[in-house]
Amino acid sequence: MSLHEPHRWRILFSDESDGAGNMALDEAISESVAAGLSPPTLRLYTWNPPTISFGCSQHIESEIDVDACQRDGIGLARRISGGRAVLHSQELTYSVFAKPNDHRAFSGSINDTYEAISRGLVKGLLRSGVDAELYRGEVGAQILAQTSAPCFASTSRSEVVLQGRKLVGSAQRRTADVVLQHGSILLGRDHLRIIDYMRVTESVRLRLKRYMEDNTISLQQTDWDEARSKKLPERLRQGFAEVFEIDLEWDSQSDFERDRAISLVSTRYGLKSWTLKTHGSPKVAAGV
């Protein structure tokens, strides 16, 4: 049984961190929420340096030029969720954590949860003056058959789009005890740089670049400015509180979460040997 009121959640904003720190803290919060030590949580954060994250079942060295990433100062991080590779830079990243019995949105199917979280994102973006909406089309481009296609080379149902183009990419991990979904809200166009590090032929590289340029969009391609960027976390808080009908209050990570994340960095996420090794296939939503 949870130690927290079912409709009282917390929201965290974490200072920018490297890939190991960000993914370790996501796992630490997931464990804490699963154990009932922390309430359902919405976390917002950024990355430094730019980092390519990839799903737990991806064989990264066959898809990404690891040496080129190291040469250019691009970090590498393995997610505990599944899905495809993402270059995290010029974005606001979100994570949502809840037990299945914390809210009806998490007790249904993967797609039900995915859509509910997307609605929270859309509502927050609308409050920021962004005409975002849920994608209702189908993926049909032949290029997406490429196993090494990155996250933003496809758009799935109920993902968040703007002007018909993908604005947010997400991945989900579910266990019997907790649901974790995290994803990228594009502020700028740096996500396109992942194409430069992919192990694909030049013809596929050009097709991927063209596809992603045509089918993704960042907030900076609109009338977005720094003042609105600073207000985005609060607007997202308001949007999630409205959609989920919850009290969502600003808070900070617990001592357990901080200490557990430090331990996970030293034993897993900070180790190249662990990062480059595949770790099975979780139950995940479509999207990333």
Protein backbone atom coordinates (compact mmCIF):
# COMPACT_ATOMS: atom_id res chain seq x y z
CA MET A 1 0.00 0.00 0.00
CA SER A 2 1.27 3.46 -0.87
CA LEU A 3 2.27 5.79 1.95
CA HIS A 4 0.96 8.75 -0.06
CA GLU A 5 -2.43 10.17 -0.95
CA PRO A 6 -3.51 8.72 -4.32
CA HIS A 7 -4.23 12.11 -5.89
CA ARG A 8 -1.20 13.96 -4.51
CA TRP A 9 1.80 13.79 -6.83
CA ARG A 10 5.12 15.61 -6.91
CA ILE A 11 7.03 17.30 -9.72
CA LEU A 12 10.83 17.55 -9.78
CA PHE A 13 13.11 19.72 -11.89
CA SER A 14 16.64 18.33 -11.97
CA ASP A 15 19.71 20.35 -12.89
CA GLU A 16 21.32 19.23 -16.14
CA SER A 17 23.31 16.04 -15.81
CA ASP A 18 25.19 13.60 -18.00
CA GLY A 19 23.51 10.52 -19.41
CA ALA A 20 24.62 8.19 -16.64
CA GLY A 21 23.30 10.51 -13.94
CA ASN A 22 19.98 11.10 -15.67
CA MET A 23 19.24 7.45 -16.37
CA ALA A 24 20.42 6.35 -12.91
CA LEU A 25 18.10 8.86 -11.25
CA ASP A 26 15.18 7.71 -13.41
CA GLU A 27 15.77 4.15 -12.23
CA ALA A 28 16.21 5.24 -8.60
CA ILE A 29 12.92 7.15 -8.64
CA SER A 30 11.22 4.21 -10.31
CA GLU A 31 12.38 1.92 -7.50
CA SER A 32 11.30 4.40 -4.84
CA VAL A 33 7.83 4.85 -6.32
CA ALA A 34 7.45 1.08 -6.76
CA ALA A 35 8.27 0.55 -3.08
CA GLY A 36 5.79 3.20 -1.96
CA LEU A 37 8.59 5.38 -0.58
CA SER A 38 7.79 8.24 -2.97
CA PRO A 39 4.51 9.46 -4.47
CA PRO A 40 3.76 9.32 -8.20
CA THR A 41 6.22 11.67 -9.84
CA LEU A 42 6.70 13.89 -12.87
CA ARG A 43 10.36 14.71 -13.41
CA LEU A 44 11.74 17.32 -15.86
CA TYR A 45 15.43 17.57 -16.74
CA THR A 46 18.12 18.44 -19.31
CA TRP A 47 21.40 16.90 -20.48
CA ASN A 48 25.06 17.97 -20.49
CA PRO A 49 26.95 16.93 -22.55
CA PRO A 50 24.71 16.04 -25.53
CA THR A 51 24.03 12.31 -25.17
CA ILE A 52 22.67 9.50 -27.31
CA SER A 53 20.40 7.24 -25.28
CA PHE A 54 19.24 3.90 -26.62
CA GLY A 55 16.84 1.16 -25.62
CA CYS A 56 17.85 -1.67 -23.31
CA SER A 57 17.72 -4.26 -26.09
CA GLN A 58 19.64 -2.32 -28.76
CA HIS A 59 23.10 -3.46 -29.84
CA ILE A 60 24.54 0.03 -29.91
CA GLU A 61 27.96 -0.67 -31.48
CA SER A 62 26.29 -2.13 -34.57
CA GLU A 63 24.08 0.97 -34.96
CA ILE A 64 26.16 3.90 -33.69
CA ASP A 65 29.79 4.88 -34.33
CA VAL A 66 30.95 4.86 -30.71
CA ASP A 67 34.45 6.13 -31.53
CA ALA A 68 33.03 9.13 -33.42
CA CYS A 69 30.78 9.94 -30.46
CA GLN A 70 33.76 9.85 -28.10
CA ARG A 71 35.78 12.04 -30.47
CA ASP A 72 33.02 14.67 -30.61
CA GLY A 73 32.16 14.63 -26.92
CA ILE A 74 28.79 12.90 -27.38
CA GLY A 75 27.81 10.82 -24.37
CA LEU A 76 26.21 7.38 -24.52
CA ALA A 77 23.57 6.07 -22.11
CA ARG A 78 21.42 2.96 -21.99
CA ARG A 79 17.80 3.39 -20.91
CA ILE A 80 15.89 0.85 -18.83
CA SER A 81 13.05 1.34 -21.30
CA GLY A 82 13.09 0.00 -24.85
CA GLY A 83 12.87 1.71 -28.20
CA ARG A 84 15.28 3.44 -30.53
CA ALA A 85 18.20 5.81 -30.20
CA VAL A 86 17.75 9.53 -29.42
CA LEU A 87 20.29 12.36 -29.33
CA HIS A 88 19.42 14.46 -26.29
CA SER A 89 20.36 18.10 -26.85
CA GLN A 90 18.25 21.26 -27.06
CA GLU A 91 15.31 19.53 -25.41
CA LEU A 92 13.35 19.28 -22.18
CA THR A 93 13.09 15.68 -21.05
CA TYR A 94 10.21 14.38 -18.95
CA SER A 95 9.74 11.21 -16.90
CA VAL A 96 6.51 9.96 -15.31
CA PHE A 97 6.50 7.32 -12.55
CA ALA A 98 3.44 5.70 -10.95
CA LYS A 99 2.25 2.41 -9.53
CA PRO A 100 -0.55 0.72 -11.49
CA ASN A 101 -3.04 1.38 -8.67
CA ASP A 102 -2.04 5.02 -8.22
CA HIS A 103 -4.31 6.23 -11.03
CA ARG A 104 -6.70 4.70 -13.56
CA ALA A 105 -4.41 5.86 -16.40
CA PHE A 106 -1.78 3.35 -15.24
CA SER A 107 -4.02 0.35 -14.61
CA GLY A 108 -5.05 -0.13 -18.24
CA SER A 109 -3.12 -0.98 -21.37
CA ILE A 110 0.24 0.37 -22.48
CA ASN A 111 -1.51 2.52 -25.07
CA ASP A 112 -4.01 3.88 -22.53
CA THR A 113 -1.15 5.08 -20.34
CA TYR A 114 0.76 6.43 -23.33
CA GLU A 115 -2.23 8.45 -24.49
CA ALA A 116 -3.00 9.82 -21.02
CA ILE A 117 0.57 11.07 -20.59
CA SER A 118 0.53 12.57 -24.08
CA ARG A 119 -2.67 14.42 -23.18
CA GLY A 120 -0.90 15.88 -20.15
CA LEU A 121 1.96 17.05 -22.35
CA VAL A 122 -0.45 18.52 -24.90
CA LYS A 123 -2.38 20.40 -22.25
CA GLY A 124 0.83 21.89 -20.85
CA LEU A 125 2.03 22.87 -24.32
CA LEU A 126 -1.33 24.46 -25.11
CA ARG A 127 -0.98 26.51 -21.92
CA SER A 128 2.38 27.65 -23.35
CA GLY A 129 0.73 28.82 -26.57
CA VAL A 130 1.81 25.78 -28.62
CA ASP A 131 -0.93 24.20 -30.76
CA ALA A 132 0.18 20.64 -30.05
CA GLU A 133 -2.12 17.65 -30.54
CA LEU A 134 -2.17 13.86 -30.52
CA TYR A 135 -1.11 12.09 -33.70
CA ARG A 136 -3.88 9.93 -35.16
CA GLY A 137 -2.27 8.80 -38.41
CA GLU A 138 -0.34 5.68 -39.31
CA VAL A 139 3.35 5.08 -40.04
CA GLY A 140 3.85 4.09 -43.65
CA ALA A 141 7.31 5.15 -44.81
CA GLN A 142 9.44 2.26 -46.10
CA ILE A 143 12.55 3.82 -44.58
CA LEU A 144 11.22 2.91 -41.14
CA ALA A 145 11.93 -0.74 -41.86
CA GLN A 146 15.57 0.09 -41.10
CA THR A 147 16.35 -1.50 -37.73
CA SER A 148 18.75 1.33 -36.93
CA ALA A 149 16.24 4.10 -37.60
CA PRO A 150 16.29 6.59 -34.68
CA CYS A 151 13.31 7.47 -32.52
CA PHE A 152 12.41 10.63 -34.41
CA ALA A 153 12.33 8.76 -37.74
CA SER A 154 8.82 7.52 -36.93
CA THR A 155 5.59 8.79 -35.42
CA SER A 156 3.18 6.48 -33.59
CA ARG A 157 -0.45 6.97 -32.65
CA SER A 158 -1.04 9.25 -29.66
CA GLU A 159 2.41 10.82 -29.86
CA VAL A 160 2.54 14.60 -29.59
CA VAL A 161 2.76 16.50 -32.86
CA LEU A 162 2.75 20.13 -33.95
CA GLN A 163 1.63 21.13 -37.44
CA GLY A 164 1.45 17.40 -38.20
CA ARG A 165 5.12 16.86 -37.34
CA LYS A 166 6.57 14.97 -34.37
CA LEU A 167 7.43 17.19 -31.39
CA VAL A 168 7.79 14.63 -28.59
CA GLY A 169 9.28 11.12 -28.64
CA SER A 170 8.70 8.74 -25.73
CA ALA A 171 9.42 5.23 -24.40
CA GLN A 172 7.70 3.26 -21.66
CA ARG A 173 8.68 0.49 -19.24
CA ARG A 174 6.12 -1.44 -17.21
CA THR A 175 6.49 -3.96 -14.42
CA ALA A 176 3.95 -5.33 -11.96
CA ASP A 177 4.99 -2.62 -9.49
CA VAL A 178 5.60 0.54 -11.48
CA VAL A 179 5.16 2.28 -14.83
CA LEU A 180 7.94 4.53 -16.11
CA GLN A 181 7.56 6.64 -19.24
CA HIS A 182 10.13 9.17 -20.35
CA GLY A 183 10.59 11.24 -23.48
CA SER A 184 12.00 14.27 -25.26
CA ILE A 185 10.24 17.59 -25.95
CA LEU A 186 12.19 19.17 -28.81
CA LEU A 187 13.27 22.75 -28.14
CA GLY A 188 15.80 22.89 -31.02
CA ARG A 189 16.98 20.81 -33.97
CA ASP A 190 20.01 19.08 -32.46
CA HIS A 191 18.17 15.73 -32.48
CA LEU A 192 18.92 15.59 -36.22
CA ARG A 193 22.65 15.24 -35.49
CA ILE A 194 22.17 11.59 -34.54
CA ILE A 195 22.17 10.79 -38.26
CA ASP A 196 25.86 11.76 -38.43
CA TYR A 197 26.76 8.96 -35.99
CA MET A 198 24.68 6.14 -37.43
CA ARG A 199 26.22 3.10 -39.09
CA VAL A 200 24.20 3.25 -42.31
CA THR A 201 24.97 3.70 -45.98
CA GLU A 202 25.14 7.23 -47.33
CA SER A 203 21.94 6.73 -49.30
CA VAL A 204 20.05 5.69 -46.15
CA ARG A 205 21.65 8.57 -44.23
CA LEU A 206 20.35 11.06 -46.79
CA ARG A 207 16.87 9.51 -46.76
CA LEU A 208 16.74 9.55 -42.97
CA LYS A 209 17.86 13.16 -42.85
CA ARG A 210 15.25 14.20 -45.38
CA TYR A 211 12.53 12.25 -43.58
CA MET A 212 13.39 13.65 -40.15
CA GLU A 213 13.66 17.21 -41.43
CA ASP A 214 10.23 16.91 -43.03
CA ASN A 215 8.49 15.03 -40.22
CA THR A 216 9.84 16.51 -36.98
CA ILE A 217 9.55 20.00 -35.56
CA SER A 218 11.05 21.89 -32.62
CA LEU A 219 9.57 24.71 -30.59
CA GLN A 220 12.33 27.02 -31.84
CA GLN A 221 10.87 26.66 -35.34
CA THR A 222 7.82 28.54 -34.10
CA ASP A 223 7.66 31.92 -32.35
CA TRP A 224 9.16 30.29 -29.24
CA ASP A 225 11.47 32.39 -27.08
CA GLU A 226 13.56 32.07 -23.93
CA ALA A 227 10.88 33.59 -21.70
CA ARG A 228 8.35 30.95 -22.73
CA SER A 229 11.00 28.24 -22.34
CA LYS A 230 11.54 29.20 -18.71
CA LYS A 231 7.81 28.96 -18.04
CA LEU A 232 7.38 25.58 -19.75
CA PRO A 233 7.98 23.42 -16.62
CA GLU A 234 5.24 25.23 -14.71
CA ARG A 235 2.87 25.03 -17.69
CA LEU A 236 3.49 21.28 -17.90
CA ARG A 237 2.78 20.97 -14.19
CA GLN A 238 -0.55 22.70 -14.71
CA GLY A 239 -1.37 20.57 -17.73
CA PHE A 240 -0.69 17.26 -15.97
CA ALA A 241 -2.59 18.36 -12.87
CA GLU A 242 -5.64 19.16 -15.01
CA VAL A 243 -5.58 16.01 -17.16
CA PHE A 244 -4.90 13.59 -14.31
CA GLU A 245 -7.07 15.52 -11.81
CA ILE A 246 -4.34 15.53 -9.18
CA ASP A 247 -2.54 17.88 -6.83
CA LEU A 248 0.92 18.18 -8.38
CA GLU A 249 3.39 20.00 -6.13
CA TRP A 250 7.01 21.05 -6.67
CA ASP A 251 9.39 18.97 -4.57
CA SER A 252 12.92 17.56 -4.54
CA GLN A 253 14.36 14.08 -4.79
CA SER A 254 14.63 12.06 -1.61
CA ASP A 255 17.86 11.05 0.11
CA PHE A 256 17.19 7.46 -0.92
CA GLU A 257 16.80 8.44 -4.57
CA ARG A 258 19.95 10.55 -4.56
CA ASP A 259 22.06 7.87 -2.87
CA ARG A 260 20.62 5.08 -5.02
CA ALA A 261 21.34 7.05 -8.20
CA ILE A 262 24.95 7.58 -7.13
CA SER A 263 25.27 3.83 -6.54
CA LEU A 264 23.73 3.00 -9.93
CA VAL A 265 26.16 5.32 -11.70
CA SER A 266 29.17 3.62 -10.09
CA THR A 267 27.94 0.06 -10.64
CA ARG A 268 26.11 0.33 -13.97
CA TYR A 269 25.36 3.51 -15.86
CA GLY A 270 28.83 4.98 -15.53
CA LEU A 271 30.54 1.83 -16.86
CA LYS A 272 31.23 1.57 -20.59
CA SER A 273 31.14 -2.22 -20.38
CA TRP A 274 27.59 -2.14 -18.96
CA THR A 275 26.39 0.64 -21.27
CA LEU A 276 27.43 -1.17 -24.45
CA LYS A 277 25.90 -4.51 -23.41
CA THR A 278 22.26 -5.29 -24.26
CA HIS A 279 19.96 -6.03 -21.32
CA GLY A 280 16.81 -7.75 -22.60
CA SER A 281 13.48 -6.47 -23.93
CA PRO A 282 10.99 -4.82 -21.56
CA LYS A 283 7.29 -4.40 -22.28
CA VAL A 284 7.22 -0.99 -23.94
CA ALA A 285 4.83 1.32 -25.74
CA ALA A 286 5.20 2.24 -29.37
CA GLY A 287 7.07 5.45 -30.02
CA VAL A 288 10.77 5.79 -29.35
